[in-house]
PDB file of N, CA and C in Angstrom:
ATOM      1  N   MET A   1     104.244 100.453  97.702  1.00  0.00           N
ATOM      2  CA  MET A   1     103.748 101.689  98.080  1.00  0.00           C
ATOM      3  C   MET A   1     104.639 102.552  99.102  1.00  0.00           C
ATOM      4  N   ASP A   2     104.385 104.031  99.031  1.00  0.00           N
ATOM      5  CA  ASP A   2     105.218 104.523  99.870  1.00  0.00           C
ATOM      6  C   ASP A   2     104.868 104.777 101.497  1.00  0.00           C
ATOM      7  N   VAL A   3     105.588 105.095 101.788  1.00  0.00           N
ATOM      8  CA  VAL A   3     105.070 105.366 103.626  1.00  0.00           C
ATOM      9  C   VAL A   3     104.064 106.239 103.683  1.00  0.00           C
ATOM     10  N   LEU A   4     103.889 107.599 103.104  1.00  0.00           N
ATOM     11  CA  LEU A   4     103.183 108.788 103.033  1.00  0.00           C
ATOM     12  C   LEU A   4     101.854 108.013 102.619  1.00  0.00           C
ATOM     13  N   SER A   5     101.531 107.254 101.769  1.00  0.00           N
ATOM     14  CA  SER A   5     100.344 106.604 100.822  1.00  0.00           C
ATOM     15  C   SER A   5     100.193 105.672 102.224  1.00  0.00           C
ATOM     16  N   GLU A   6     100.996 104.523 102.378  1.00  0.00           N
ATOM     17  CA  GLU A   6     100.096 104.063 103.673  1.00  0.00           C
ATOM     18  C   GLU A   6      99.656 104.724 104.996  1.00  0.00           C
ATOM     19  N   VAL A   7     100.104 105.684 105.161  1.00  0.00           N
ATOM     20  CA  VAL A   7      99.785 106.297 106.414  1.00  0.00           C
ATOM     21  C   VAL A   7      98.370 107.018 106.283  1.00  0.00           C
ATOM     22  N   LEU A   8      98.519 107.932 104.424  1.00  0.00           N
ATOM     23  CA  LEU A   8      96.945 108.558 104.454  1.00  0.00           C
ATOM     24  C   LEU A   8      95.681 107.389 104.271  1.00  0.00           C
ATOM     25  N   ARG A   9      96.635 106.099 103.387  1.00  0.00           N
ATOM     26  CA  ARG A   9      95.201 105.200 103.427  1.00  0.00           C
ATOM     27  C   ARG A   9      94.746 104.721 104.627  1.00  0.00           C
ATOM     28  N   SER A  10      95.131 104.636 105.678  1.00  0.00           N
ATOM     29  CA  SER A  10      95.254 103.843 107.141  1.00  0.00           C
ATOM     30  C   SER A  10      94.135 104.723 108.246  1.00  0.00           C
ATOM     31  N   LEU A  11      94.437 106.284 107.815  1.00  0.00           N
ATOM     32  CA  LEU A  11      93.580 107.234 108.481  1.00  0.00           C
ATOM     33  C   LEU A  11      92.315 107.375 107.591  1.00  0.00           C
ATOM     34  N   ARG A  12      92.145 106.877 106.562  1.00  0.00           N
ATOM     35  CA  ARG A  12      91.322 107.117 105.854  1.00  0.00           C
ATOM     36  C   ARG A  12      90.946 108.743 105.232  1.00  0.00           C
ATOM     37  N   VAL A  13      92.031 108.864 104.198  1.00  0.00           N
ATOM     38  CA  VAL A  13      91.871 110.571 104.219  1.00  0.00           C
ATOM     39  C   VAL A  13      90.827 110.486 103.189  1.00  0.00           C
ATOM     40  N   ASN A  14      89.964 111.387 103.072  1.00  0.00           N
ATOM     41  CA  ASN A  14      88.707 111.939 101.773  1.00  0.00           C
ATOM     42  C   ASN A  14      89.433 112.972 101.609  1.00  0.00           C
ATOM     43  N   ALA A  15      89.391 113.385 100.496  1.00  0.00           N
ATOM     44  CA  ALA A  15      90.186 114.431  99.907  1.00  0.00           C
ATOM     45  C   ALA A  15      89.410 115.380  98.850  1.00  0.00           C
ATOM     46  N   SER A  16      89.033 116.690  98.618  1.00  0.00           N
ATOM     47  CA  SER A  16      88.564 117.298  97.570  1.00  0.00           C
ATOM     48  C   SER A  16      89.443 118.276  97.264  1.00  0.00           C
ATOM     49  N   ILE A  17      89.038 118.950  95.967  1.00  0.00           N
ATOM     50  CA  ILE A  17      90.017 120.233  95.908  1.00  0.00           C
ATOM     51  C   ILE A  17      89.285 121.401  95.875  1.00  0.00           C
ATOM     52  N   TYR A  18      89.725 122.299  97.255  1.00  0.00           N
ATOM     53  CA  TYR A  18      89.254 123.710  97.920  1.00  0.00           C
ATOM     54  C   TYR A  18      89.473 124.704  96.382  1.00  0.00           C
ATOM     55  N   CYS A  19      90.602 125.064  95.825  1.00  0.00           N
ATOM     56  CA  CYS A  19      90.693 125.784  95.033  1.00  0.00           C
ATOM     57  C   CYS A  19      92.519 125.784  94.439  1.00  0.00           C
ATOM     58  N   ALA A  20      92.735 126.020  93.456  1.00  0.00           N
ATOM     59  CA  ALA A  20      94.198 126.003  93.063  1.00  0.00           C
ATOM     60  C   ALA A  20      93.922 127.419  93.053  1.00  0.00           C
ATOM     61  N   MET A  21      95.629 127.661  93.424  1.00  0.00           N
ATOM     62  CA  MET A  21      95.957 129.274  93.210  1.00  0.00           C
ATOM     63  C   MET A  21      97.127 129.359  92.528  1.00  0.00           C
ATOM     64  N   ASP A  22      97.383 130.552  91.607  1.00  0.00           N
ATOM     65  CA  ASP A  22      98.584 130.980  90.929  1.00  0.00           C
ATOM     66  C   ASP A  22      98.809 132.102  91.318  1.00  0.00           C
ATOM     67  N   LEU A  23      99.519 132.325  92.513  1.00  0.00           N
ATOM     68  CA  LEU A  23     100.270 133.429  93.171  1.00  0.00           C
ATOM     69  C   LEU A  23     101.316 133.993  93.525  1.00  0.00           C
ATOM     70  N   SER A  24     102.068 135.300  93.315  1.00  0.00           N
ATOM     71  CA  SER A  24     103.199 135.675  92.682  1.00  0.00           C
ATOM     72  C   SER A  24     103.386 137.027  93.960  1.00  0.00           C
ATOM     73  N   GLY A  25     104.722 136.864  94.597  1.00  0.00           N
ATOM     74  CA  GLY A  25     105.134 137.729  95.933  1.00  0.00           C
ATOM     75  C   GLY A  25     104.463 139.113  95.639  1.00  0.00           C
ATOM     76  N   PRO A  26     104.238 139.809  96.446  1.00  0.00           N
ATOM     77  CA  PRO A  26     103.754 139.508  98.208  1.00  0.00           C
ATOM     78  C   PRO A  26     102.730 138.920  98.076  1.00  0.00           C
ATOM     79  N   TRP A  27     102.748 137.637  99.218  1.00  0.00           N
ATOM     80  CA  TRP A  27     101.242 137.383  98.758  1.00  0.00           C
ATOM     81  C   TRP A  27     101.004 136.540 100.316  1.00  0.00           C
ATOM     82  N   GLY A  28      99.839 136.315 101.163  1.00  0.00           N
ATOM     83  CA  GLY A  28      99.402 135.597 102.232  1.00  0.00           C
ATOM     84  C   GLY A  28      98.213 135.130 102.001  1.00  0.00           C
ATOM     85  N   ILE A  29      98.588 134.161 103.295  1.00  0.00           N
ATOM     86  CA  ILE A  29      96.541 133.767 103.373  1.00  0.00           C
ATOM     87  C   ILE A  29      96.211 133.503 104.804  1.00  0.00           C
ATOM     88  N   SER A  30      95.561 133.396 105.290  1.00  0.00           N
ATOM     89  CA  SER A  30      95.437 133.273 106.625  1.00  0.00           C
ATOM     90  C   SER A  30      94.273 131.982 106.507  1.00  0.00           C
ATOM     91  N   LEU A  31      94.716 130.974 107.543  1.00  0.00           N
ATOM     92  CA  LEU A  31      93.399 130.154 107.377  1.00  0.00           C
ATOM     93  C   LEU A  31      92.761 129.898 108.735  1.00  0.00           C
ATOM     94  N   PRO A  32      91.375 129.723 109.372  1.00  0.00           N
ATOM     95  CA  PRO A  32      91.057 129.889 111.064  1.00  0.00           C
ATOM     96  C   PRO A  32      91.271 128.265 111.072  1.00  0.00           C
ATOM     97  N   LYS A  33      91.088 128.188 112.512  1.00  0.00           N
ATOM     98  CA  LYS A  33      91.200 126.971 112.852  1.00  0.00           C
ATOM     99  C   LYS A  33      90.438 126.032 112.976  1.00  0.00           C
ATOM    100  N   SER A  34      90.189 124.518 112.129  1.00  0.00           N
ATOM    101  CA  SER A  34      88.644 124.046 112.171  1.00  0.00           C
ATOM    102  C   SER A  34      89.244 122.646 112.767  1.00  0.00           C
ATOM    103  N   SER A  35      88.143 121.647 112.604  1.00  0.00           N
ATOM    104  CA  SER A  35      87.999 120.293 113.451  1.00  0.00           C
ATOM    105  C   SER A  35      88.799 119.319 112.744  1.00  0.00           C
ATOM    106  N   TRP A  36      88.807 119.750 110.966  1.00  0.00           N
ATOM    107  CA  TRP A  36      89.271 118.839 110.648  1.00  0.00           C
ATOM    108  C   TRP A  36      91.098 119.527 109.975  1.00  0.00           C
ATOM    109  N   ALA A  37      91.649 118.646 109.085  1.00  0.00           N
ATOM    110  CA  ALA A  37      92.965 118.832 108.973  1.00  0.00           C
ATOM    111  C   ALA A  37      93.149 118.870 107.514  1.00  0.00           C
ATOM    112  N   PRO A  38      93.415 120.119 107.400  1.00  0.00           N
ATOM    113  CA  PRO A  38      93.241 120.390 105.758  1.00  0.00           C
ATOM    114  C   PRO A  38      94.670 120.496 105.462  1.00  0.00           C
ATOM    115  N   PHE A  39      94.833 120.175 104.186  1.00  0.00           N
ATOM    116  CA  PHE A  39      96.542 119.520 103.446  1.00  0.00           C
ATOM    117  C   PHE A  39      96.315 120.573 102.148  1.00  0.00           C
ATOM    118  N   HIS A  40      97.865 120.498 102.146  1.00  0.00           N
ATOM    119  CA  HIS A  40      97.875 121.532 100.946  1.00  0.00           C
ATOM    120  C   HIS A  40      99.255 121.097 100.246  1.00  0.00           C
ATOM    121  N   PHE A  41      99.488 121.033  99.129  1.00  0.00           N
ATOM    122  CA  PHE A  41     100.364 120.727  97.892  1.00  0.00           C
ATOM    123  C   PHE A  41     100.814 121.851  97.440  1.00  0.00           C
ATOM    124  N   LEU A  42     102.600 122.201  97.339  1.00  0.00           N
ATOM    125  CA  LEU A  42     102.947 123.112  96.612  1.00  0.00           C
ATOM    126  C   LEU A  42     103.501 122.365  95.401  1.00  0.00           C
ATOM    127  N   GLU A  43     102.724 122.894  94.694  1.00  0.00           N
ATOM    128  CA  GLU A  43     103.413 121.935  93.260  1.00  0.00           C
ATOM    129  C   GLU A  43     104.601 122.980  92.374  1.00  0.00           C
ATOM    130  N   SER A  44     104.386 124.486  92.569  1.00  0.00           N
ATOM    131  CA  SER A  44     105.778 124.919  91.971  1.00  0.00           C
ATOM    132  C   SER A  44     106.210 126.059  92.923  1.00  0.00           C
ATOM    133  N   GLY A  45     107.183 126.450  92.934  1.00  0.00           N
ATOM    134  CA  GLY A  45     107.828 127.235  93.506  1.00  0.00           C
ATOM    135  C   GLY A  45     107.946 127.626  95.277  1.00  0.00           C
ATOM    136  N   SER A  46     108.290 128.746  95.657  1.00  0.00           N
ATOM    137  CA  SER A  46     108.173 128.434  97.107  1.00  0.00           C
ATOM    138  C   SER A  46     107.695 129.344  98.055  1.00  0.00           C
ATOM    139  N   CYS A  47     107.342 128.877  99.181  1.00  0.00           N
ATOM    140  CA  CYS A  47     106.818 130.067 100.752  1.00  0.00           C
ATOM    141  C   CYS A  47     107.086 129.779 101.851  1.00  0.00           C
ATOM    142  N   TRP A  48     106.492 130.589 103.017  1.00  0.00           N
ATOM    143  CA  TRP A  48     106.689 130.065 104.148  1.00  0.00           C
ATOM    144  C   TRP A  48     105.633 129.814 104.917  1.00  0.00           C
ATOM    145  N   LEU A  49     105.376 128.794 105.568  1.00  0.00           N
ATOM    146  CA  LEU A  49     104.708 128.879 106.574  1.00  0.00           C
ATOM    147  C   LEU A  49     104.740 129.514 108.277  1.00  0.00           C
ATOM    148  N   LEU A  50     103.994 130.148 108.481  1.00  0.00           N
ATOM    149  CA  LEU A  50     103.683 130.902 109.939  1.00  0.00           C
ATOM    150  C   LEU A  50     102.768 130.300 110.749  1.00  0.00           C
ATOM    151  N   ARG A  51     103.215 129.794 111.938  1.00  0.00           N
ATOM    152  CA  ARG A  51     101.988 129.496 113.407  1.00  0.00           C
ATOM    153  C   ARG A  51     102.437 130.681 114.037  1.00  0.00           C
ATOM    154  N   ASP A  52     100.880 130.481 114.475  1.00  0.00           N
ATOM    155  CA  ASP A  52     101.573 131.840 115.465  1.00  0.00           C
ATOM    156  C   ASP A  52     102.599 131.579 116.613  1.00  0.00           C
ATOM    157  N   GLY A  53     103.474 132.407 116.959  1.00  0.00           N
ATOM    158  CA  GLY A  53     104.596 132.042 117.806  1.00  0.00           C
ATOM    159  C   GLY A  53     105.115 130.909 117.863  1.00  0.00           C
ATOM    160  N   ARG A  54     105.511 130.501 116.619  1.00  0.00           N
ATOM    161  CA  ARG A  54     106.806 129.407 116.126  1.00  0.00           C
ATOM    162  C   ARG A  54     107.190 129.941 115.133  1.00  0.00           C
ATOM    163  N   LYS A  55     108.137 129.365 115.059  1.00  0.00           N
ATOM    164  CA  LYS A  55     109.499 129.758 114.174  1.00  0.00           C
ATOM    165  C   LYS A  55     109.155 129.368 112.538  1.00  0.00           C
ATOM    166  N   ARG A  56     109.031 130.119 111.697  1.00  0.00           N
ATOM    167  CA  ARG A  56     108.343 129.972 110.262  1.00  0.00           C
ATOM    168  C   ARG A  56     108.964 128.562 109.489  1.00  0.00           C
ATOM    169  N   VAL A  57     108.539 127.749 108.782  1.00  0.00           N
ATOM    170  CA  VAL A  57     108.860 127.125 108.344  1.00  0.00           C
ATOM    171  C   VAL A  57     108.671 127.085 106.415  1.00  0.00           C
ATOM    172  N   ARG A  58     110.354 127.111 105.770  1.00  0.00           N
ATOM    173  CA  ARG A  58     110.398 127.365 104.202  1.00  0.00           C
ATOM    174  C   ARG A  58     109.530 125.649 103.807  1.00  0.00           C
ATOM    175  N   LEU A  59     108.600 126.404 103.030  1.00  0.00           N
ATOM    176  CA  LEU A  59     107.945 124.900 101.934  1.00  0.00           C
ATOM    177  C   LEU A  59     108.583 125.113 100.167  1.00  0.00           C
ATOM    178  N   ASP A  60     108.821 124.348  99.575  1.00  0.00           N
ATOM    179  CA  ASP A  60     109.235 124.142  98.261  1.00  0.00           C
ATOM    180  C   ASP A  60     108.480 123.367  97.708  1.00  0.00           C
ATOM    181  N   ALA A  61     108.781 123.361  96.069  1.00  0.00           N
ATOM    182  CA  ALA A  61     108.079 122.851  95.128  1.00  0.00           C
ATOM    183  C   ALA A  61     107.671 121.252  95.762  1.00  0.00           C
ATOM    184  N   GLY A  62     106.974 120.409  95.736  1.00  0.00           N
ATOM    185  CA  GLY A  62     106.561 119.208  95.935  1.00  0.00           C
ATOM    186  C   GLY A  62     106.424 118.681  97.392  1.00  0.00           C
ATOM    187  N   ASP A  63     106.347 119.638  98.018  1.00  0.00           N
ATOM    188  CA  ASP A  63     105.962 119.892  99.957  1.00  0.00           C
ATOM    189  C   ASP A  63     104.902 119.738  99.735  1.00  0.00           C
ATOM    190  N   LEU A  64     104.329 118.526 100.895  1.00  0.00           N
ATOM    191  CA  LEU A  64     103.006 118.565 101.197  1.00  0.00           C
ATOM    192  C   LEU A  64     102.925 119.083 102.344  1.00  0.00           C
ATOM    193  N   VAL A  65     101.832 119.942 103.348  1.00  0.00           N
ATOM    194  CA  VAL A  65     101.673 120.037 104.385  1.00  0.00           C
ATOM    195  C   VAL A  65     100.489 119.927 104.972  1.00  0.00           C
ATOM    196  N   VAL A  66     100.261 119.336 106.281  1.00  0.00           N
ATOM    197  CA  VAL A  66      99.086 118.968 106.812  1.00  0.00           C
ATOM    198  C   VAL A  66      98.734 119.671 108.259  1.00  0.00           C
ATOM    199  N   LEU A  67      97.948 120.513 108.121  1.00  0.00           N
ATOM    200  CA  LEU A  67      97.904 121.556 109.312  1.00  0.00           C
ATOM    201  C   LEU A  67      96.650 121.073 110.276  1.00  0.00           C
TER     202      LEU A  67
END
């Protein structure tokens, strides 16, 4: 078992598919703050993660981000 799988299992993470998107530039999405930790997996392509007042982070295919 890999480290990420161990961490997610220890947190008792439950997931459901919220949506699947096929997007092309330029595009953007804004997510409201929440009390739960949504995660997103980038299957293909690349994008930028922008957080208020912080340095932007490039995400590429295969990246998983937990907000």
